[in-house]
C-alpha atoms as a PDB file:
ATOM      1  CA  MET A   1      33.922  37.697 -34.893  1.00  0.00           C
ATOM      2  CA  PRO A   2      33.581  35.375 -31.879  1.00  0.00           C
ATOM      3  CA  ALA A   3      32.523  31.811 -32.617  1.00  0.00           C
ATOM      4  CA  ARG A   4      28.802  31.151 -32.393  1.00  0.00           C
ATOM      5  CA  LEU A   5      27.680  28.312 -30.158  1.00  0.00           C
ATOM      6  CA  SER A   6      24.898  25.725 -30.232  1.00  0.00           C
ATOM      7  CA  CYS A   7      23.844  24.045 -26.977  1.00  0.00           C
ATOM      8  CA  ILE A   8      22.557  20.467 -27.259  1.00  0.00           C
ATOM      9  CA  LEU A   9      20.701  18.740 -24.433  1.00  0.00           C
ATOM     10  CA  PRO A  10      19.737  15.064 -24.807  1.00  0.00           C
ATOM     11  CA  ALA A  11      16.749  14.219 -22.636  1.00  0.00           C
ATOM     12  CA  PHE A  12      14.950  11.026 -21.678  1.00  0.00           C
ATOM     13  CA  ASN A  13      12.110  11.306 -19.160  1.00  0.00           C
ATOM     14  CA  GLU A  14      13.458  14.492 -17.580  1.00  0.00           C
ATOM     15  CA  ALA A  15      10.205  16.466 -17.252  1.00  0.00           C
ATOM     16  CA  PRO A  16      10.772  17.207 -13.536  1.00  0.00           C
ATOM     17  CA  ARG A  17      14.299  18.547 -14.070  1.00  0.00           C
ATOM     18  CA  ILE A  18      14.862  19.933 -17.557  1.00  0.00           C
ATOM     19  CA  GLY A  19      12.989  23.184 -16.975  1.00  0.00           C
ATOM     20  CA  ALA A  20      15.503  24.353 -14.369  1.00  0.00           C
ATOM     21  CA  VAL A  21      18.359  23.690 -16.796  1.00  0.00           C
ATOM     22  CA  LEU A  22      16.653  25.505 -19.669  1.00  0.00           C
ATOM     23  CA  ARG A  23      15.958  28.559 -17.519  1.00  0.00           C
ATOM     24  CA  ASN A  24      19.724  29.017 -17.160  1.00  0.00           C
ATOM     25  CA  VAL A  25      20.611  28.143 -20.755  1.00  0.00           C
ATOM     26  CA  ARG A  26      17.996  30.087 -22.689  1.00  0.00           C
ATOM     27  CA  GLY A  27      19.027  33.693 -23.106  1.00  0.00           C
ATOM     28  CA  HIS A  28      22.610  33.125 -22.000  1.00  0.00           C
ATOM     29  CA  PRO A  29      24.717  35.744 -23.829  1.00  0.00           C
ATOM     30  CA  LEU A  30      27.309  33.205 -25.035  1.00  0.00           C
ATOM     31  CA  ILE A  31      24.763  30.666 -26.329  1.00  0.00           C
ATOM     32  CA  ASP A  32      23.275  31.356 -29.757  1.00  0.00           C
ATOM     33  CA  GLU A  33      21.086  28.274 -30.193  1.00  0.00           C
ATOM     34  CA  VAL A  34      19.486  25.771 -27.806  1.00  0.00           C
ATOM     35  CA  ILE A  35      18.423  22.327 -29.022  1.00  0.00           C
ATOM     36  CA  VAL A  36      16.734  19.668 -26.897  1.00  0.00           C
ATOM     37  CA  VAL A  37      16.674  16.162 -28.317  1.00  0.00           C
ATOM     38  CA  ASP A  38      13.810  14.285 -26.662  1.00  0.00           C
ATOM     39  CA  ASP A  39      14.970  10.672 -26.856  1.00  0.00           C
ATOM     40  CA  GLY A  40      11.586   8.960 -26.895  1.00  0.00           C
ATOM     41  CA  SER A  41      10.395  10.249 -23.514  1.00  0.00           C
ATOM     42  CA  THR A  42       7.055   9.105 -22.123  1.00  0.00           C
ATOM     43  CA  ASP A  43       6.716  11.557 -19.216  1.00  0.00           C
ATOM     44  CA  GLY A  44       5.926  14.885 -20.840  1.00  0.00           C
ATOM     45  CA  THR A  45       9.479  16.092 -21.342  1.00  0.00           C
ATOM     46  CA  ALA A  46       8.560  17.451 -24.783  1.00  0.00           C
ATOM     47  CA  ALA A  47       5.661  19.444 -23.324  1.00  0.00           C
ATOM     48  CA  VAL A  48       7.970  21.095 -20.799  1.00  0.00           C
ATOM     49  CA  VAL A  49      10.457  22.003 -23.527  1.00  0.00           C
ATOM     50  CA  ALA A  50       7.680  23.372 -25.742  1.00  0.00           C
ATOM     51  CA  GLY A  51       6.967  25.946 -23.052  1.00  0.00           C
ATOM     52  CA  PHE A  52      10.352  27.603 -23.629  1.00  0.00           C
ATOM     53  CA  ALA A  53      10.170  29.990 -26.565  1.00  0.00           C
ATOM     54  CA  GLY A  54      13.223  29.917 -28.799  1.00  0.00           C
ATOM     55  CA  VAL A  55      14.301  26.406 -27.821  1.00  0.00           C
ATOM     56  CA  ARG A  56      14.375  23.946 -30.732  1.00  0.00           C
ATOM     57  CA  LEU A  57      12.845  20.566 -29.944  1.00  0.00           C
ATOM     58  CA  ILE A  58      13.791  17.417 -31.841  1.00  0.00           C
ATOM     59  CA  ALA A  59      11.477  14.572 -30.821  1.00  0.00           C
ATOM     60  CA  LEU A  60      12.839  11.125 -31.629  1.00  0.00           C
ATOM     61  CA  PRO A  61      10.145   8.459 -32.073  1.00  0.00           C
ATOM     62  CA  GLN A  62      11.860   5.928 -29.812  1.00  0.00           C
ATOM     63  CA  ASN A  63      14.612   5.810 -27.252  1.00  0.00           C
ATOM     64  CA  GLY A  64      17.958   5.241 -28.935  1.00  0.00           C
ATOM     65  CA  GLY A  65      20.366   6.272 -26.201  1.00  0.00           C
ATOM     66  CA  LYS A  66      22.497   9.299 -25.486  1.00  0.00           C
ATOM     67  CA  SER A  67      24.970   8.814 -28.330  1.00  0.00           C
ATOM     68  CA  ALA A  68      22.233   8.733 -30.975  1.00  0.00           C
ATOM     69  CA  ALA A  69      20.390  11.666 -29.394  1.00  0.00           C
ATOM     70  CA  ILE A  70      23.474  13.872 -29.405  1.00  0.00           C
ATOM     71  CA  ALA A  71      24.284  12.779 -32.963  1.00  0.00           C
ATOM     72  CA  ALA A  72      20.829  14.004 -34.010  1.00  0.00           C
ATOM     73  CA  GLY A  73      21.415  17.299 -32.231  1.00  0.00           C
ATOM     74  CA  VAL A  74      24.821  17.799 -33.815  1.00  0.00           C
ATOM     75  CA  GLN A  75      23.354  17.167 -37.259  1.00  0.00           C
ATOM     76  CA  ALA A  76      20.671  19.796 -36.646  1.00  0.00           C
ATOM     77  CA  ALA A  77      22.928  22.404 -35.016  1.00  0.00           C
ATOM     78  CA  ARG A  78      23.665  25.565 -36.995  1.00  0.00           C
ATOM     79  CA  HIS A  79      27.038  26.374 -35.461  1.00  0.00           C
ATOM     80  CA  ASP A  80      30.454  24.718 -35.328  1.00  0.00           C
ATOM     81  CA  LEU A  81      31.093  25.252 -31.621  1.00  0.00           C
ATOM     82  CA  LEU A  82      28.956  22.944 -29.504  1.00  0.00           C
ATOM     83  CA  LEU A  83      28.015  22.820 -25.837  1.00  0.00           C
ATOM     84  CA  PHE A  84      26.715  19.486 -24.543  1.00  0.00           C
ATOM     85  CA  LEU A  85      24.719  19.513 -21.314  1.00  0.00           C
ATOM     86  CA  ASP A  86      22.934  16.792 -19.409  1.00  0.00           C
ATOM     87  CA  SER A  87      19.308  17.777 -18.918  1.00  0.00           C
ATOM     88  CA  ASP A  88      19.011  16.732 -15.261  1.00  0.00           C
ATOM     89  CA  LEU A  89      21.631  18.995 -13.689  1.00  0.00           C
ATOM     90  CA  LEU A  90      20.902  20.462 -10.266  1.00  0.00           C
ATOM     91  CA  GLY A  91      22.290  23.817  -9.161  1.00  0.00           C
ATOM     92  CA  LEU A  92      23.345  25.055 -12.591  1.00  0.00           C
ATOM     93  CA  THR A  93      23.794  28.830 -12.971  1.00  0.00           C
ATOM     94  CA  PRO A  94      24.589  31.137 -15.910  1.00  0.00           C
ATOM     95  CA  ALA A  95      27.961  31.938 -14.325  1.00  0.00           C
ATOM     96  CA  GLN A  96      28.930  28.265 -14.371  1.00  0.00           C
ATOM     97  CA  LEU A  97      27.974  28.027 -18.029  1.00  0.00           C
ATOM     98  CA  THR A  98      30.146  31.052 -18.748  1.00  0.00           C
ATOM     99  CA  GLY A  99      33.023  29.379 -16.939  1.00  0.00           C
ATOM    100  CA  LEU A 100      32.733  26.299 -19.137  1.00  0.00           C
ATOM    101  CA  ILE A 101      32.340  28.178 -22.425  1.00  0.00           C
ATOM    102  CA  ARG A 102      34.840  31.019 -22.059  1.00  0.00           C
ATOM    103  CA  PRO A 103      38.122  29.028 -22.140  1.00  0.00           C
ATOM    104  CA  VAL A 104      37.230  27.733 -25.610  1.00  0.00           C
ATOM    105  CA  LEU A 105      35.822  31.026 -26.894  1.00  0.00           C
ATOM    106  CA  THR A 106      38.973  32.891 -25.862  1.00  0.00           C
ATOM    107  CA  GLY A 107      41.349  30.302 -27.282  1.00  0.00           C
ATOM    108  CA  GLN A 108      42.790  29.359 -23.907  1.00  0.00           C
ATOM    109  CA  ALA A 109      41.755  25.761 -24.624  1.00  0.00           C
ATOM    110  CA  GLU A 110      40.424  23.827 -27.594  1.00  0.00           C
ATOM    111  CA  VAL A 111      37.832  21.946 -25.515  1.00  0.00           C
ATOM    112  CA  SER A 112      36.448  22.115 -21.987  1.00  0.00           C
ATOM    113  CA  ILE A 113      34.871  19.656 -19.591  1.00  0.00           C
ATOM    114  CA  SER A 114      33.099  20.058 -16.254  1.00  0.00           C
ATOM    115  CA  LEU A 115      34.000  18.577 -12.890  1.00  0.00           C
ATOM    116  CA  ARG A 116      30.791  18.544 -10.842  1.00  0.00           C
ATOM    117  CA  ARG A 117      30.484  18.595  -7.065  1.00  0.00           C
ATOM    118  CA  ASN A 118      29.176  15.015  -6.922  1.00  0.00           C
ATOM    119  CA  ALA A 119      31.466  13.502  -9.524  1.00  0.00           C
ATOM    120  CA  PRO A 120      32.882  10.187  -8.228  1.00  0.00           C
ATOM    121  CA  LEU A 121      35.504  10.774  -5.545  1.00  0.00           C
ATOM    122  CA  PRO A 122      38.428   9.347  -7.566  1.00  0.00           C
ATOM    123  CA  TRP A 123      37.710  11.799 -10.382  1.00  0.00           C
ATOM    124  CA  ARG A 124      37.555  14.722  -7.976  1.00  0.00           C
ATOM    125  CA  LEU A 125      40.855  13.662  -6.422  1.00  0.00           C
ATOM    126  CA  ILE A 126      42.659  13.525  -9.785  1.00  0.00           C
ATOM    127  CA  GLY A 127      40.854  16.635 -11.059  1.00  0.00           C
ATOM    128  CA  LEU A 128      39.146  15.054 -14.087  1.00  0.00           C
ATOM    129  CA  ASP A 129      35.800  13.368 -14.767  1.00  0.00           C
ATOM    130  CA  TYR A 130      36.578  11.607 -18.022  1.00  0.00           C
ATOM    131  CA  ILE A 131      32.923  10.781 -18.738  1.00  0.00           C
ATOM    132  CA  SER A 132      31.417  14.146 -17.819  1.00  0.00           C
ATOM    133  CA  GLY A 133      28.486  15.001 -20.076  1.00  0.00           C
ATOM    134  CA  GLU A 134      29.101  18.761 -19.899  1.00  0.00           C
ATOM    135  CA  ARG A 135      31.563  19.751 -22.610  1.00  0.00           C
ATOM    136  CA  VAL A 136      32.368  22.514 -25.084  1.00  0.00           C
ATOM    137  CA  VAL A 137      33.878  21.196 -28.304  1.00  0.00           C
ATOM    138  CA  PRO A 138      34.232  22.240 -31.963  1.00  0.00           C
ATOM    139  CA  ARG A 139      32.814  19.861 -34.546  1.00  0.00           C
ATOM    140  CA  ARG A 140      36.276  18.968 -35.823  1.00  0.00           C
ATOM    141  CA  LEU A 141      37.039  17.325 -32.473  1.00  0.00           C
ATOM    142  CA  LEU A 142      34.019  14.998 -32.563  1.00  0.00           C
ATOM    143  CA  PRO A 143      33.744  11.520 -34.030  1.00  0.00           C
ATOM    144  CA  GLY A 144      32.256  11.605 -37.543  1.00  0.00           C
ATOM    145  CA  PRO A 145      28.443  11.707 -37.785  1.00  0.00           C
ATOM    146  CA  ALA A 146      28.054   8.076 -38.870  1.00  0.00           C
ATOM    147  CA  ALA A 147      30.522   6.863 -36.252  1.00  0.00           C
ATOM    148  CA  MET A 148      28.766   8.872 -33.551  1.00  0.00           C
ATOM    149  CA  ALA A 149      25.329   7.503 -34.407  1.00  0.00           C
ATOM    150  CA  ALA A 150      26.681   3.931 -34.376  1.00  0.00           C
ATOM    151  CA  LEU A 151      28.239   4.144 -30.912  1.00  0.00           C
ATOM    152  CA  PRO A 152      26.806   2.201 -27.961  1.00  0.00           C
ATOM    153  CA  ARG A 153      24.135   4.148 -26.115  1.00  0.00           C
ATOM    154  CA  PHE A 154      26.583   5.617 -23.586  1.00  0.00           C
ATOM    155  CA  GLY A 155      29.826   5.368 -25.524  1.00  0.00           C
ATOM    156  CA  LEU A 156      30.064   8.937 -26.780  1.00  0.00           C
ATOM    157  CA  GLU A 157      32.187  10.510 -24.058  1.00  0.00           C
ATOM    158  CA  VAL A 158      35.024   7.978 -24.256  1.00  0.00           C
ATOM    159  CA  ALA A 159      34.873   8.040 -28.075  1.00  0.00           C
ATOM    160  CA  MET A 160      35.166  11.832 -27.914  1.00  0.00           C
ATOM    161  CA  ASN A 161      38.098  11.514 -25.523  1.00  0.00           C
ATOM    162  CA  ALA A 162      39.938   9.394 -28.086  1.00  0.00           C
ATOM    163  CA  VAL A 163      39.526  12.133 -30.724  1.00  0.00           C
ATOM    164  CA  TRP A 164      40.792  14.792 -28.303  1.00  0.00           C
ATOM    165  CA  ILE A 165      43.833  12.727 -27.365  1.00  0.00           C
ATOM    166  CA  ALA A 166      44.699  11.967 -30.991  1.00  0.00           C
ATOM    167  CA  ALA A 167      44.526  15.706 -31.757  1.00  0.00           C
ATOM    168  CA  ARG A 168      46.454  16.611 -28.579  1.00  0.00           C
ATOM    169  CA  ALA A 169      43.703  19.111 -27.813  1.00  0.00           C
ATOM    170  CA  ARG A 170      44.238  21.425 -24.845  1.00  0.00           C
ATOM    171  CA  ILE A 171      41.563  20.606 -22.254  1.00  0.00           C
ATOM    172  CA  ALA A 172      40.176  23.101 -19.746  1.00  0.00           C
ATOM    173  CA  VAL A 173      38.786  21.261 -16.724  1.00  0.00           C
ATOM    174  CA  VAL A 174      36.223  23.574 -15.139  1.00  0.00           C
ATOM    175  CA  ARG A 175      35.190  22.847 -11.571  1.00  0.00           C
ATOM    176  CA  TRP A 176      31.478  23.197 -10.859  1.00  0.00           C
ATOM    177  CA  PRO A 177      31.359  23.040  -7.050  1.00  0.00           C
ATOM    178  CA  GLY A 178      27.670  23.919  -6.896  1.00  0.00           C
ATOM    179  CA  VAL A 179      26.375  21.514  -9.551  1.00  0.00           C
ATOM    180  CA  ASP A 180      25.198  17.937  -9.090  1.00  0.00           C
ATOM    181  CA  SER A 181      24.014  15.242 -11.466  1.00  0.00           C
ATOM    182  CA  PRO A 182      21.307  13.150  -9.784  1.00  0.00           C
ATOM    183  CA  TYR A 183      22.267   9.543  -9.176  1.00  0.00           C
ATOM    184  CA  LYS A 184      20.305   7.078 -11.243  1.00  0.00           C
ATOM    185  CA  HIS A 185      18.875   5.329  -8.197  1.00  0.00           C
ATOM    186  CA  ALA A 186      17.405   8.663  -7.042  1.00  0.00           C
ATOM    187  CA  LYS A 187      15.513   8.989 -10.333  1.00  0.00           C
ATOM    188  CA  ARG A 188      14.595   5.357 -11.032  1.00  0.00           C
ATOM    189  CA  GLY A 189      14.710   3.485  -7.752  1.00  0.00           C
ATOM    190  CA  ARG A 190      17.545   1.470  -6.237  1.00  0.00           C
ATOM    191  CA  LEU A 191      17.437  -1.692  -8.377  1.00  0.00           C
ATOM    192  CA  ALA A 192      16.675   0.085 -11.660  1.00  0.00           C
ATOM    193  CA  GLY A 193      19.441   2.605 -10.908  1.00  0.00           C
ATOM    194  CA  ILE A 194      22.013  -0.152 -10.342  1.00  0.00           C
ATOM    195  CA  VAL A 195      20.988  -1.842 -13.589  1.00  0.00           C
ATOM    196  CA  ALA A 196      21.236   1.478 -15.463  1.00  0.00           C
ATOM    197  CA  ASP A 197      24.722   2.119 -14.070  1.00  0.00           C
ATOM    198  CA  LEU A 198      25.892  -1.357 -15.056  1.00  0.00           C
ATOM    199  CA  ARG A 199      24.541  -0.903 -18.565  1.00  0.00           C
ATOM    200  CA  MET A 200      26.321   2.432 -18.857  1.00  0.00           C
ATOM    201  CA  LEU A 201      29.606   0.843 -17.793  1.00  0.00           C
ATOM    202  CA  ARG A 202      29.047  -1.964 -20.295  1.00  0.00           C
ATOM    203  CA  ASP A 203      28.635   0.601 -23.089  1.00  0.00           C
ATOM    204  CA  ILE A 204      31.698   2.568 -22.006  1.00  0.00           C
ATOM    205  CA  PHE A 205      33.946  -0.496 -21.963  1.00  0.00           C
ATOM    206  CA  ALA A 206      32.462  -1.815 -25.203  1.00  0.00           C
ATOM    207  CA  THR A 207      33.564   1.453 -26.810  1.00  0.00           C
ATOM    208  CA  VAL A 208      36.965   1.669 -25.123  1.00  0.00           C
ATOM    209  CA  PRO A 209      38.221  -1.395 -23.186  1.00  0.00           C
ATOM    210  CA  LEU A 210      39.002  -0.852 -19.506  1.00  0.00           C
ATOM    211  CA  PRO A 211      42.829  -0.818 -19.835  1.00  0.00           C
ATOM    212  CA  ARG A 212      42.577   1.827 -22.569  1.00  0.00           C
ATOM    213  CA  VAL A 213      40.238   3.906 -20.399  1.00  0.00           C
ATOM    214  CA  ALA A 214      42.997   4.141 -17.805  1.00  0.00           C
ATOM    215  CA  VAL A 215      45.380   5.279 -20.542  1.00  0.00           C
ATOM    216  CA  GLN A 216      42.783   7.829 -21.697  1.00  0.00           C
ATOM    217  CA  VAL A 217      42.608   9.340 -18.236  1.00  0.00           C
ATOM    218  CA  TRP A 218      46.410   9.587 -18.073  1.00  0.00           C
ATOM    219  CA  HIS A 219      46.612  11.321 -21.456  1.00  0.00           C
ATOM    220  CA  MET A 220      43.741  13.690 -20.631  1.00  0.00           C
ATOM    221  CA  ARG A 221      45.398  14.723 -17.378  1.00  0.00           C
ATOM    222  CA  ARG A 222      48.562  15.579 -19.327  1.00  0.00           C
ATOM    223  CA  LEU A 223      46.534  17.658 -21.800  1.00  0.00           C
ATOM    224  CA  SER A 224      44.592  19.485 -19.084  1.00  0.00           C
ATOM    225  CA  LEU A 225      45.398  23.109 -18.322  1.00  0.00           C
END
């Protein structure tokens, strides 16, 4: 029997964008469960999600950050194979989802990670976005539940990388040439976007110091198919 898959989307104030993502996720033949974790949104995100029959909504009472939101989704998920998706993606299609999921389902790789069209130029040049939010991963290659919930708000991806490297997991890097992730300044305004980016970097380097991040990228490139 093929592995069954749960899709988890953390969302904070994504009412204008999450519907387009859910239209491509819901009903996808390789996705057995869709969970949206509304991380204390104030803009009607939950109401948009409620309009999609069959999508499970977990509404957190206050904003705790991406790491905590995904930890809540993982705890609620029914299946051992997990697909993480950012809820603001632009240009996503079912075919691109299939491309990300299939290498893990077929055993070609143990995990997969996306490389979006507007990933930072250095990551596109080396062929790896080490903090991409779009990943397929089995539970056994995640940090433990308590450790995940205790991570800095945006520390999950680099913490996950460390688990993959320790396990020497085979990584499928899947290029998504038609998919973009909106820049924070486009969603929040220039100053607020810069502040949000700086806070994200602070969380990343609080989880894994900068020199070790460079080592992570080197190891992940060696493990990539």
